[in-house]
Amino acid sequence: STRVRSSAASDVYKRQLLNTLNNIYALTAFDTEKAQQAIQELSKLLRYVLYDNQETFVPLTKEVEFIQNYIELMRIRVSSAVKINTNFQIRPDSQSPVAPLLFISLIENAFKHGISPTEPSYIRIYFSESADSVCCEIANSYHPKNEADKSGSGIGLEQVRKRLELTYPGRYEWQHSVSEDEKEYKSILVINH
């Protein structure tokens, strides 16, 4: 379980670090203020990945803070035409235990397949919490990669499934599918404490 979590964390970290450094490099040429902001957001992400997520479970507030930092970094990287809406309905001091870096693969997937350089794009991320469960609902416009650009396709979601089975056997529900008109991808993950 720890090995799968570490591997997933390492993969997310490596992809995010390389992509972000390339983008920051490009930003330094024409928008130094945005580049500085991106470096600050990246610093917060790295702190969490390197130091704050070493336990099997972390408080939901810590995980949500990491997710919010990730989303803010992505906002800097994508066009302002991409509509990104978030809603976090969790207690401000929530100690609900969740596996660290579990949700980030779902969010990363939304950014990877939900954004088109030429067509309208959106990502909606909704988190809610009840006394006995945590729910993460993500919907995004669906712009699948073409055959030439499917590197790693499906690997992140398969890692999520394996981690869920190892960490929450019989205590989760995960529905994910493409709409009938193939214009939206939706993922709903409910974890029961």
N, C-alpha and C. Protein backbone atom coordinates (compact mmCIF):
# COMPACT_ATOMS: atom_id res chain seq x y z
N SER A 1 0.83 -1.21 0.00
CA SER A 1 0.00 0.00 0.00
C SER A 1 0.86 1.26 0.00
N THR A 2 1.88 1.25 0.88
CA THR A 2 2.76 2.40 0.95
C THR A 2 3.55 2.55 -0.34
N ARG A 3 3.97 1.39 -0.92
CA ARG A 3 4.74 1.43 -2.17
C ARG A 3 3.90 1.99 -3.30
N VAL A 4 2.63 1.58 -3.40
CA VAL A 4 1.74 2.10 -4.45
C VAL A 4 1.53 3.59 -4.25
N ARG A 5 1.31 4.03 -2.98
CA ARG A 5 1.12 5.45 -2.71
C ARG A 5 2.37 6.24 -3.07
N SER A 6 3.56 5.73 -2.70
CA SER A 6 4.79 6.43 -3.00
C SER A 6 5.02 6.52 -4.49
N SER A 7 4.72 5.44 -5.21
CA SER A 7 4.89 5.44 -6.66
C SER A 7 3.95 6.45 -7.31
N ALA A 8 2.69 6.47 -6.87
CA ALA A 8 1.72 7.43 -7.41
C ALA A 8 2.16 8.85 -7.11
N ALA A 9 2.60 9.09 -5.89
CA ALA A 9 3.06 10.43 -5.50
C ALA A 9 4.26 10.83 -6.34
N SER A 10 5.18 9.90 -6.54
CA SER A 10 6.38 10.18 -7.31
C SER A 10 6.04 10.51 -8.77
N ASP A 11 5.12 9.76 -9.36
CA ASP A 11 4.73 10.00 -10.75
C ASP A 11 4.08 11.37 -10.90
N VAL A 12 3.14 11.70 -10.01
CA VAL A 12 2.48 13.00 -10.06
C VAL A 12 3.51 14.11 -9.88
N TYR A 13 4.38 13.93 -8.91
CA TYR A 13 5.42 14.93 -8.62
C TYR A 13 6.30 15.18 -9.84
N LYS A 14 6.79 14.10 -10.46
CA LYS A 14 7.70 14.25 -11.60
C LYS A 14 7.02 14.95 -12.77
N ARG A 15 5.81 14.51 -13.11
CA ARG A 15 5.08 15.13 -14.24
C ARG A 15 4.83 16.60 -13.96
N GLN A 16 4.33 16.88 -12.75
CA GLN A 16 3.98 18.25 -12.40
C GLN A 16 5.22 19.14 -12.38
N LEU A 17 6.30 18.63 -11.83
CA LEU A 17 7.52 19.43 -11.74
C LEU A 17 8.06 19.77 -13.13
N LEU A 18 8.17 18.79 -14.00
CA LEU A 18 8.70 19.03 -15.34
C LEU A 18 7.82 19.97 -16.14
N ASN A 19 6.51 19.70 -16.15
CA ASN A 19 5.59 20.56 -16.90
C ASN A 19 5.62 21.99 -16.37
N THR A 20 5.62 22.12 -15.07
CA THR A 20 5.57 23.46 -14.47
C THR A 20 6.86 24.22 -14.70
N LEU A 21 8.00 23.56 -14.56
CA LEU A 21 9.27 24.26 -14.80
C LEU A 21 9.36 24.74 -16.25
N ASN A 22 8.90 23.95 -17.19
CA ASN A 22 8.89 24.37 -18.59
C ASN A 22 8.00 25.60 -18.79
N ASN A 23 6.84 25.60 -18.14
CA ASN A 23 5.93 26.73 -18.25
C ASN A 23 6.48 27.99 -17.58
N ILE A 24 7.09 27.81 -16.42
CA ILE A 24 7.67 28.97 -15.73
C ILE A 24 8.79 29.56 -16.57
N TYR A 25 9.60 28.69 -17.17
CA TYR A 25 10.68 29.16 -18.05
C TYR A 25 10.11 30.04 -19.16
N ALA A 26 9.03 29.58 -19.77
CA ALA A 26 8.39 30.37 -20.84
C ALA A 26 7.82 31.68 -20.29
N LEU A 27 7.23 31.63 -19.10
CA LEU A 27 6.63 32.83 -18.50
C LEU A 27 7.66 33.91 -18.21
N THR A 28 8.87 33.51 -17.82
CA THR A 28 9.87 34.50 -17.44
C THR A 28 10.18 35.47 -18.58
N ALA A 29 9.96 35.03 -19.82
CA ALA A 29 10.27 35.88 -20.97
C ALA A 29 9.27 37.01 -21.17
N PHE A 30 8.02 36.82 -20.75
CA PHE A 30 7.02 37.85 -21.06
C PHE A 30 6.12 38.24 -19.89
N ASP A 31 6.16 37.53 -18.77
CA ASP A 31 5.31 37.90 -17.63
C ASP A 31 5.98 37.48 -16.33
N THR A 32 6.91 38.32 -15.87
CA THR A 32 7.69 37.95 -14.69
C THR A 32 6.82 37.84 -13.43
N GLU A 33 5.77 38.67 -13.35
CA GLU A 33 4.89 38.61 -12.17
C GLU A 33 4.19 37.25 -12.10
N LYS A 34 3.68 36.79 -13.25
CA LYS A 34 3.03 35.48 -13.30
C LYS A 34 4.02 34.36 -13.00
N ALA A 35 5.24 34.51 -13.50
CA ALA A 35 6.28 33.51 -13.25
C ALA A 35 6.58 33.42 -11.75
N GLN A 36 6.66 34.58 -11.08
CA GLN A 36 6.90 34.59 -9.64
C GLN A 36 5.77 33.91 -8.89
N GLN A 37 4.54 34.19 -9.31
CA GLN A 37 3.37 33.56 -8.69
C GLN A 37 3.41 32.04 -8.88
N ALA A 38 3.79 31.61 -10.08
CA ALA A 38 3.87 30.18 -10.38
C ALA A 38 4.92 29.50 -9.51
N ILE A 39 6.05 30.17 -9.31
CA ILE A 39 7.11 29.60 -8.47
C ILE A 39 6.63 29.46 -7.04
N GLN A 40 5.89 30.44 -6.56
CA GLN A 40 5.35 30.39 -5.20
C GLN A 40 4.36 29.22 -5.04
N GLU A 41 3.46 29.04 -6.02
CA GLU A 41 2.50 27.93 -5.97
C GLU A 41 3.22 26.58 -6.07
N LEU A 42 4.23 26.51 -6.92
CA LEU A 42 5.00 25.27 -7.06
C LEU A 42 5.71 24.94 -5.75
N SER A 43 6.22 25.95 -5.08
CA SER A 43 6.89 25.74 -3.80
C SER A 43 5.95 25.10 -2.78
N LYS A 44 4.71 25.56 -2.74
CA LYS A 44 3.71 24.98 -1.82
C LYS A 44 3.44 23.52 -2.16
N LEU A 45 3.33 23.23 -3.46
CA LEU A 45 3.10 21.85 -3.89
C LEU A 45 4.26 20.95 -3.48
N LEU A 46 5.47 21.42 -3.73
CA LEU A 46 6.64 20.61 -3.43
C LEU A 46 6.77 20.34 -1.93
N ARG A 47 6.48 21.34 -1.12
CA ARG A 47 6.53 21.17 0.32
C ARG A 47 5.62 20.03 0.76
N TYR A 48 4.41 20.00 0.21
CA TYR A 48 3.46 18.95 0.57
C TYR A 48 3.93 17.59 0.09
N VAL A 49 4.36 17.53 -1.17
CA VAL A 49 4.78 16.25 -1.75
C VAL A 49 6.01 15.70 -1.05
N LEU A 50 6.94 16.58 -0.69
CA LEU A 50 8.20 16.12 -0.11
C LEU A 50 8.13 15.88 1.40
N TYR A 51 7.32 16.65 2.11
CA TYR A 51 7.36 16.58 3.57
C TYR A 51 6.05 16.25 4.27
N ASP A 52 4.95 16.76 3.75
CA ASP A 52 3.71 16.74 4.54
C ASP A 52 2.80 15.54 4.29
N ASN A 53 3.14 14.63 3.40
CA ASN A 53 2.20 13.56 3.07
C ASN A 53 2.77 12.18 3.35
N GLN A 54 3.62 12.08 4.33
CA GLN A 54 4.32 10.82 4.57
C GLN A 54 3.49 9.79 5.34
N GLU A 55 2.37 10.20 5.89
CA GLU A 55 1.52 9.27 6.63
C GLU A 55 0.59 8.51 5.67
N THR A 56 0.02 7.42 6.17
CA THR A 56 -0.94 6.65 5.37
C THR A 56 -2.18 7.49 5.11
N PHE A 57 -2.58 8.27 6.11
CA PHE A 57 -3.73 9.17 5.98
C PHE A 57 -3.33 10.56 6.44
N VAL A 58 -3.95 11.56 5.82
CA VAL A 58 -3.75 12.95 6.23
C VAL A 58 -5.12 13.58 6.46
N PRO A 59 -5.19 14.67 7.23
CA PRO A 59 -6.49 15.35 7.40
C PRO A 59 -6.98 15.91 6.06
N LEU A 60 -8.26 15.85 5.84
CA LEU A 60 -8.85 16.32 4.59
C LEU A 60 -8.46 17.77 4.31
N THR A 61 -8.38 18.61 5.35
CA THR A 61 -8.03 20.02 5.12
C THR A 61 -6.66 20.16 4.47
N LYS A 62 -5.70 19.32 4.87
CA LYS A 62 -4.36 19.39 4.27
C LYS A 62 -4.40 18.97 2.81
N GLU A 63 -5.14 17.91 2.52
CA GLU A 63 -5.23 17.43 1.15
C GLU A 63 -5.94 18.45 0.27
N VAL A 64 -6.98 19.07 0.78
CA VAL A 64 -7.71 20.08 0.01
C VAL A 64 -6.83 21.31 -0.23
N GLU A 65 -6.04 21.69 0.74
CA GLU A 65 -5.12 22.82 0.55
C GLU A 65 -4.14 22.52 -0.58
N PHE A 66 -3.62 21.29 -0.62
CA PHE A 66 -2.73 20.88 -1.70
C PHE A 66 -3.45 20.96 -3.05
N ILE A 67 -4.67 20.46 -3.09
CA ILE A 67 -5.47 20.47 -4.32
C ILE A 67 -5.72 21.90 -4.79
N GLN A 68 -6.05 22.78 -3.86
CA GLN A 68 -6.29 24.18 -4.22
C GLN A 68 -5.02 24.84 -4.77
N ASN A 69 -3.86 24.52 -4.18
CA ASN A 69 -2.60 25.05 -4.70
C ASN A 69 -2.34 24.54 -6.12
N TYR A 70 -2.63 23.26 -6.33
CA TYR A 70 -2.46 22.67 -7.67
C TYR A 70 -3.35 23.38 -8.68
N ILE A 71 -4.60 23.59 -8.31
CA ILE A 71 -5.55 24.24 -9.23
C ILE A 71 -5.10 25.67 -9.53
N GLU A 72 -4.62 26.39 -8.52
CA GLU A 72 -4.15 27.75 -8.75
C GLU A 72 -2.96 27.77 -9.70
N LEU A 73 -2.08 26.80 -9.56
CA LEU A 73 -0.95 26.69 -10.46
C LEU A 73 -1.43 26.41 -11.89
N MET A 74 -2.42 25.55 -12.02
CA MET A 74 -2.95 25.23 -13.34
C MET A 74 -3.66 26.44 -13.95
N ARG A 75 -4.31 27.24 -13.14
CA ARG A 75 -4.96 28.46 -13.65
C ARG A 75 -3.94 29.38 -14.32
N ILE A 76 -2.75 29.44 -13.74
CA ILE A 76 -1.69 30.27 -14.31
C ILE A 76 -1.26 29.72 -15.67
N ARG A 77 -1.28 28.40 -15.79
CA ARG A 77 -0.75 27.75 -16.99
C ARG A 77 -1.74 27.71 -18.16
N VAL A 78 -3.05 27.71 -17.88
CA VAL A 78 -4.02 27.56 -18.97
C VAL A 78 -4.58 28.91 -19.40
N SER A 79 -5.18 28.92 -20.55
CA SER A 79 -5.79 30.14 -21.09
C SER A 79 -6.93 30.61 -20.20
N SER A 80 -7.14 31.91 -20.16
CA SER A 80 -8.26 32.46 -19.37
C SER A 80 -9.61 32.08 -19.98
N ALA A 81 -9.60 31.57 -21.21
CA ALA A 81 -10.85 31.12 -21.84
C ALA A 81 -11.35 29.81 -21.24
N VAL A 82 -10.47 29.07 -20.56
CA VAL A 82 -10.87 27.82 -19.93
C VAL A 82 -11.61 28.16 -18.63
N LYS A 83 -12.83 27.67 -18.50
CA LYS A 83 -13.63 27.94 -17.30
C LYS A 83 -13.31 26.88 -16.24
N ILE A 84 -12.76 27.34 -15.11
CA ILE A 84 -12.44 26.43 -14.00
C ILE A 84 -13.26 26.86 -12.80
N ASN A 85 -14.18 26.00 -12.38
CA ASN A 85 -15.02 26.28 -11.22
C ASN A 85 -14.74 25.26 -10.13
N THR A 86 -14.59 25.75 -8.90
CA THR A 86 -14.36 24.86 -7.77
C THR A 86 -15.33 25.19 -6.65
N ASN A 87 -15.66 24.17 -5.88
CA ASN A 87 -16.54 24.34 -4.73
C ASN A 87 -16.13 23.31 -3.68
N PHE A 88 -15.66 23.79 -2.54
CA PHE A 88 -15.20 22.90 -1.47
C PHE A 88 -16.14 23.05 -0.27
N GLN A 89 -17.04 22.13 -0.12
CA GLN A 89 -17.99 22.14 0.98
C GLN A 89 -17.51 21.19 2.08
N ILE A 90 -16.41 21.60 2.72
CA ILE A 90 -15.87 20.80 3.81
C ILE A 90 -15.69 21.69 5.03
N ARG A 91 -15.64 21.08 6.20
CA ARG A 91 -15.42 21.86 7.42
C ARG A 91 -14.02 22.47 7.38
N PRO A 92 -13.88 23.74 7.78
CA PRO A 92 -12.57 24.41 7.71
C PRO A 92 -11.49 23.71 8.53
N ASP A 93 -11.88 22.98 9.57
CA ASP A 93 -10.91 22.28 10.42
C ASP A 93 -11.04 20.77 10.28
N SER A 94 -11.53 20.30 9.14
CA SER A 94 -11.83 18.88 8.95
C SER A 94 -10.61 18.00 9.20
N GLN A 95 -10.79 17.02 10.05
CA GLN A 95 -9.75 16.03 10.33
C GLN A 95 -10.08 14.69 9.69
N SER A 96 -11.10 14.65 8.82
CA SER A 96 -11.45 13.39 8.15
C SER A 96 -10.20 12.83 7.49
N PRO A 97 -9.85 11.57 7.81
CA PRO A 97 -8.62 11.01 7.25
C PRO A 97 -8.81 10.56 5.80
N VAL A 98 -7.90 10.99 4.93
CA VAL A 98 -7.91 10.56 3.53
C VAL A 98 -6.49 10.16 3.12
N ALA A 99 -6.40 9.27 2.15
CA ALA A 99 -5.09 8.89 1.62
C ALA A 99 -4.51 10.07 0.86
N PRO A 100 -3.27 10.45 1.15
CA PRO A 100 -2.69 11.62 0.47
C PRO A 100 -2.49 11.37 -1.02
N LEU A 101 -2.67 12.42 -1.81
CA LEU A 101 -2.44 12.42 -3.25
C LEU A 101 -3.32 11.44 -4.02
N LEU A 102 -4.45 11.08 -3.44
CA LEU A 102 -5.37 10.17 -4.14
C LEU A 102 -6.20 10.92 -5.17
N PHE A 103 -6.75 12.06 -4.78
CA PHE A 103 -7.65 12.81 -5.66
C PHE A 103 -6.91 13.53 -6.79
N ILE A 104 -5.62 13.79 -6.59
CA ILE A 104 -4.91 14.63 -7.55
C ILE A 104 -4.83 14.00 -8.93
N SER A 105 -4.77 12.68 -8.99
CA SER A 105 -4.72 12.02 -10.31
C SER A 105 -6.01 12.27 -11.09
N LEU A 106 -7.14 12.32 -10.38
CA LEU A 106 -8.43 12.59 -11.04
C LEU A 106 -8.46 14.03 -11.56
N ILE A 107 -7.93 14.95 -10.77
CA ILE A 107 -7.92 16.36 -11.17
C ILE A 107 -6.93 16.57 -12.31
N GLU A 108 -5.77 15.93 -12.20
CA GLU A 108 -4.78 16.02 -13.27
C GLU A 108 -5.36 15.49 -14.59
N ASN A 109 -6.12 14.41 -14.50
CA ASN A 109 -6.76 13.82 -15.68
C ASN A 109 -7.74 14.82 -16.31
N ALA A 110 -8.46 15.56 -15.48
CA ALA A 110 -9.40 16.56 -16.00
C ALA A 110 -8.67 17.65 -16.77
N PHE A 111 -7.52 18.08 -16.27
CA PHE A 111 -6.76 19.10 -16.97
C PHE A 111 -6.14 18.54 -18.26
N LYS A 112 -5.74 17.28 -18.21
CA LYS A 112 -5.10 16.67 -19.39
C LYS A 112 -6.09 16.48 -20.53
N HIS A 113 -7.29 15.99 -20.22
CA HIS A 113 -8.26 15.65 -21.27
C HIS A 113 -9.41 16.65 -21.38
N GLY A 114 -9.43 17.66 -20.53
CA GLY A 114 -10.56 18.59 -20.52
C GLY A 114 -10.31 19.91 -21.21
N ILE A 115 -9.09 20.10 -21.70
CA ILE A 115 -8.74 21.39 -22.28
C ILE A 115 -8.34 21.24 -23.74
N SER A 116 -8.97 22.05 -24.57
CA SER A 116 -8.64 22.08 -25.99
C SER A 116 -8.11 23.46 -26.34
N PRO A 117 -7.09 23.53 -27.20
CA PRO A 117 -6.59 24.85 -27.60
C PRO A 117 -7.53 25.60 -28.53
N THR A 118 -8.52 24.87 -29.11
CA THR A 118 -9.38 25.51 -30.11
C THR A 118 -10.87 25.49 -29.76
N GLU A 119 -11.30 24.59 -28.87
CA GLU A 119 -12.73 24.46 -28.56
C GLU A 119 -13.00 24.93 -27.13
N PRO A 120 -14.25 25.33 -26.86
CA PRO A 120 -14.60 25.74 -25.49
C PRO A 120 -14.29 24.61 -24.50
N SER A 121 -13.73 24.98 -23.36
CA SER A 121 -13.30 23.99 -22.38
C SER A 121 -13.68 24.43 -20.97
N TYR A 122 -13.97 23.44 -20.14
CA TYR A 122 -14.31 23.74 -18.74
C TYR A 122 -13.91 22.58 -17.85
N ILE A 123 -13.71 22.91 -16.57
CA ILE A 123 -13.46 21.91 -15.53
C ILE A 123 -14.22 22.36 -14.30
N ARG A 124 -15.02 21.45 -13.73
CA ARG A 124 -15.75 21.73 -12.49
C ARG A 124 -15.32 20.71 -11.44
N ILE A 125 -14.90 21.21 -10.29
CA ILE A 125 -14.44 20.35 -9.21
C ILE A 125 -15.23 20.66 -7.96
N TYR A 126 -15.85 19.62 -7.40
CA TYR A 126 -16.71 19.80 -6.23
C TYR A 126 -16.33 18.78 -5.16
N PHE A 127 -16.03 19.25 -3.97
CA PHE A 127 -15.76 18.37 -2.84
C PHE A 127 -16.82 18.61 -1.78
N SER A 128 -17.30 17.54 -1.18
CA SER A 128 -18.22 17.68 -0.05
C SER A 128 -17.86 16.63 1.00
N GLU A 129 -18.33 16.91 2.20
CA GLU A 129 -18.02 16.04 3.33
C GLU A 129 -19.27 15.88 4.19
N SER A 130 -19.50 14.66 4.64
CA SER A 130 -20.57 14.41 5.61
C SER A 130 -19.93 13.74 6.82
N ALA A 131 -20.74 13.36 7.78
CA ALA A 131 -20.20 12.75 8.99
C ALA A 131 -19.46 11.45 8.70
N ASP A 132 -19.87 10.74 7.65
CA ASP A 132 -19.25 9.44 7.39
C ASP A 132 -18.64 9.26 6.00
N SER A 133 -18.55 10.33 5.21
CA SER A 133 -17.97 10.17 3.87
C SER A 133 -17.39 11.47 3.32
N VAL A 134 -16.57 11.30 2.31
CA VAL A 134 -16.00 12.41 1.54
C VAL A 134 -16.32 12.14 0.09
N CYS A 135 -16.79 13.18 -0.63
CA CYS A 135 -17.15 13.01 -2.04
C CYS A 135 -16.36 14.01 -2.89
N CYS A 136 -15.80 13.49 -3.99
CA CYS A 136 -15.10 14.32 -4.97
C CYS A 136 -15.78 14.11 -6.31
N GLU A 137 -16.34 15.19 -6.85
CA GLU A 137 -17.03 15.11 -8.14
C GLU A 137 -16.34 16.05 -9.12
N ILE A 138 -15.94 15.49 -10.26
CA ILE A 138 -15.24 16.28 -11.27
C ILE A 138 -15.95 16.08 -12.61
N ALA A 139 -16.21 17.19 -13.29
CA ALA A 139 -16.78 17.13 -14.64
C ALA A 139 -15.94 18.03 -15.52
N ASN A 140 -15.64 17.57 -16.71
CA ASN A 140 -14.87 18.40 -17.63
C ASN A 140 -15.29 18.15 -19.07
N SER A 141 -15.07 19.19 -19.89
CA SER A 141 -15.27 19.00 -21.32
C SER A 141 -14.33 17.89 -21.74
N TYR A 142 -14.73 17.13 -22.74
CA TYR A 142 -13.97 15.93 -23.10
C TYR A 142 -13.28 16.13 -24.44
N HIS A 143 -11.95 16.23 -24.38
CA HIS A 143 -11.14 16.40 -25.58
C HIS A 143 -10.05 15.33 -25.54
N PRO A 144 -10.41 14.08 -25.88
CA PRO A 144 -9.42 12.99 -25.75
C PRO A 144 -8.23 13.23 -26.66
N LYS A 145 -7.10 12.73 -26.20
CA LYS A 145 -5.89 12.85 -26.99
C LYS A 145 -6.00 11.96 -28.23
N ASN A 146 -5.36 12.39 -29.31
CA ASN A 146 -5.37 11.55 -30.51
C ASN A 146 -4.39 10.39 -30.32
N GLU A 147 -4.39 9.45 -31.24
CA GLU A 147 -3.58 8.24 -31.11
C GLU A 147 -2.10 8.56 -30.92
N ALA A 148 -1.62 9.60 -31.58
CA ALA A 148 -0.20 9.94 -31.49
C ALA A 148 0.18 10.56 -30.15
N ASP A 149 -0.81 10.99 -29.39
CA ASP A 149 -0.54 11.70 -28.14
C ASP A 149 -1.17 11.00 -26.94
N LYS A 150 -1.16 9.68 -26.94
CA LYS A 150 -1.80 8.95 -25.84
C LYS A 150 -0.77 8.37 -24.88
N SER A 151 0.37 9.02 -24.75
CA SER A 151 1.40 8.51 -23.86
C SER A 151 0.87 8.42 -22.44
N GLY A 152 0.99 7.23 -21.86
CA GLY A 152 0.54 7.03 -20.49
C GLY A 152 -0.95 6.99 -20.32
N SER A 153 -1.71 6.91 -21.40
CA SER A 153 -3.17 6.96 -21.33
C SER A 153 -3.73 5.89 -20.41
N GLY A 154 -4.49 6.30 -19.40
CA GLY A 154 -5.17 5.36 -18.52
C GLY A 154 -4.34 4.89 -17.35
N ILE A 155 -3.03 5.15 -17.35
CA ILE A 155 -2.17 4.64 -16.28
C ILE A 155 -2.52 5.29 -14.95
N GLY A 156 -2.72 6.62 -14.96
CA GLY A 156 -3.05 7.31 -13.71
C GLY A 156 -4.34 6.82 -13.09
N LEU A 157 -5.37 6.60 -13.92
CA LEU A 157 -6.65 6.12 -13.40
C LEU A 157 -6.55 4.69 -12.90
N GLU A 158 -5.72 3.88 -13.54
CA GLU A 158 -5.51 2.51 -13.06
C GLU A 158 -4.82 2.52 -11.71
N GLN A 159 -3.87 3.44 -11.51
CA GLN A 159 -3.21 3.58 -10.21
C GLN A 159 -4.21 3.99 -9.14
N VAL A 160 -5.14 4.89 -9.49
CA VAL A 160 -6.17 5.30 -8.55
C VAL A 160 -7.00 4.09 -8.12
N ARG A 161 -7.42 3.28 -9.09
CA ARG A 161 -8.22 2.10 -8.78
C ARG A 161 -7.48 1.15 -7.84
N LYS A 162 -6.20 0.92 -8.10
CA LYS A 162 -5.40 0.02 -7.25
C LYS A 162 -5.27 0.58 -5.84
N ARG A 163 -5.03 1.88 -5.75
CA ARG A 163 -4.91 2.50 -4.42
C ARG A 163 -6.21 2.42 -3.65
N LEU A 164 -7.33 2.64 -4.34
CA LEU A 164 -8.63 2.55 -3.68
C LEU A 164 -8.86 1.13 -3.15
N GLU A 165 -8.53 0.13 -3.94
CA GLU A 165 -8.71 -1.26 -3.51
C GLU A 165 -7.84 -1.59 -2.31
N LEU A 166 -6.61 -1.07 -2.30
CA LEU A 166 -5.70 -1.35 -1.20
C LEU A 166 -6.06 -0.57 0.07
N THR A 167 -6.46 0.67 -0.10
CA THR A 167 -6.67 1.55 1.05
C THR A 167 -8.09 1.53 1.58
N TYR A 168 -9.07 1.40 0.67
CA TYR A 168 -10.48 1.46 1.07
C TYR A 168 -11.28 0.26 0.54
N PRO A 169 -10.83 -0.95 0.76
CA PRO A 169 -11.57 -2.10 0.20
C PRO A 169 -13.00 -2.15 0.74
N GLY A 170 -13.96 -2.16 -0.19
CA GLY A 170 -15.38 -2.22 0.20
C GLY A 170 -15.92 -0.94 0.81
N ARG A 171 -15.11 0.14 0.80
CA ARG A 171 -15.54 1.38 1.45
C ARG A 171 -15.53 2.57 0.51
N TYR A 172 -15.60 2.31 -0.78
CA TYR A 172 -15.64 3.42 -1.73
C TYR A 172 -16.56 3.08 -2.89
N GLU A 173 -17.03 4.14 -3.55
CA GLU A 173 -17.78 4.01 -4.80
C GLU A 173 -17.14 4.97 -5.79
N TRP A 174 -16.84 4.48 -6.97
CA TRP A 174 -16.21 5.33 -7.98
C TRP A 174 -16.89 5.10 -9.32
N GLN A 175 -17.55 6.14 -9.79
CA GLN A 175 -18.19 6.10 -11.11
C GLN A 175 -17.48 7.10 -12.00
N HIS A 176 -17.10 6.64 -13.18
CA HIS A 176 -16.47 7.56 -14.13
C HIS A 176 -16.81 7.11 -15.54
N SER A 177 -17.22 8.09 -16.34
CA SER A 177 -17.63 7.75 -17.71
C SER A 177 -17.72 9.01 -18.57
N VAL A 178 -17.80 8.75 -19.87
CA VAL A 178 -17.99 9.80 -20.85
C VAL A 178 -19.48 9.88 -21.16
N SER A 179 -20.00 11.09 -21.32
CA SER A 179 -21.43 11.26 -21.62
C SER A 179 -21.76 10.65 -22.98
N GLU A 180 -23.05 10.40 -23.21
CA GLU A 180 -23.50 9.77 -24.45
C GLU A 180 -23.08 10.57 -25.68
N ASP A 181 -23.11 11.89 -25.57
CA ASP A 181 -22.72 12.71 -26.72
C ASP A 181 -21.19 12.89 -26.82
N GLU A 182 -20.46 12.25 -25.90
CA GLU A 182 -18.99 12.26 -25.88
C GLU A 182 -18.40 13.66 -25.74
N LYS A 183 -19.15 14.53 -25.04
CA LYS A 183 -18.65 15.90 -24.85
C LYS A 183 -18.21 16.18 -23.42
N GLU A 184 -18.58 15.29 -22.48
CA GLU A 184 -18.22 15.52 -21.08
C GLU A 184 -17.75 14.22 -20.44
N TYR A 185 -16.73 14.36 -19.62
CA TYR A 185 -16.25 13.25 -18.80
C TYR A 185 -16.58 13.59 -17.35
N LYS A 186 -17.08 12.60 -16.62
CA LYS A 186 -17.47 12.83 -15.24
C LYS A 186 -16.90 11.73 -14.35
N SER A 187 -16.40 12.13 -13.20
CA SER A 187 -15.86 11.20 -12.21
C SER A 187 -16.44 11.56 -10.85
N ILE A 188 -17.04 10.57 -10.20
CA ILE A 188 -17.58 10.79 -8.85
C ILE A 188 -16.99 9.71 -7.95
N LEU A 189 -16.22 10.15 -6.95
CA LEU A 189 -15.60 9.24 -6.00
C LEU A 189 -16.12 9.55 -4.60
N VAL A 190 -16.71 8.54 -3.97
CA VAL A 190 -17.19 8.67 -2.59
C VAL A 190 -16.40 7.70 -1.73
N ILE A 191 -15.79 8.21 -0.69
CA ILE A 191 -15.03 7.38 0.24
C ILE A 191 -15.75 7.39 1.58
N ASN A 192 -16.05 6.21 2.10
CA ASN A 192 -16.72 6.09 3.39
C ASN A 192 -15.68 5.86 4.47
N HIS A 193 -15.82 6.61 5.58
CA HIS A 193 -14.85 6.46 6.69
C HIS A 193 -15.06 5.12 7.37
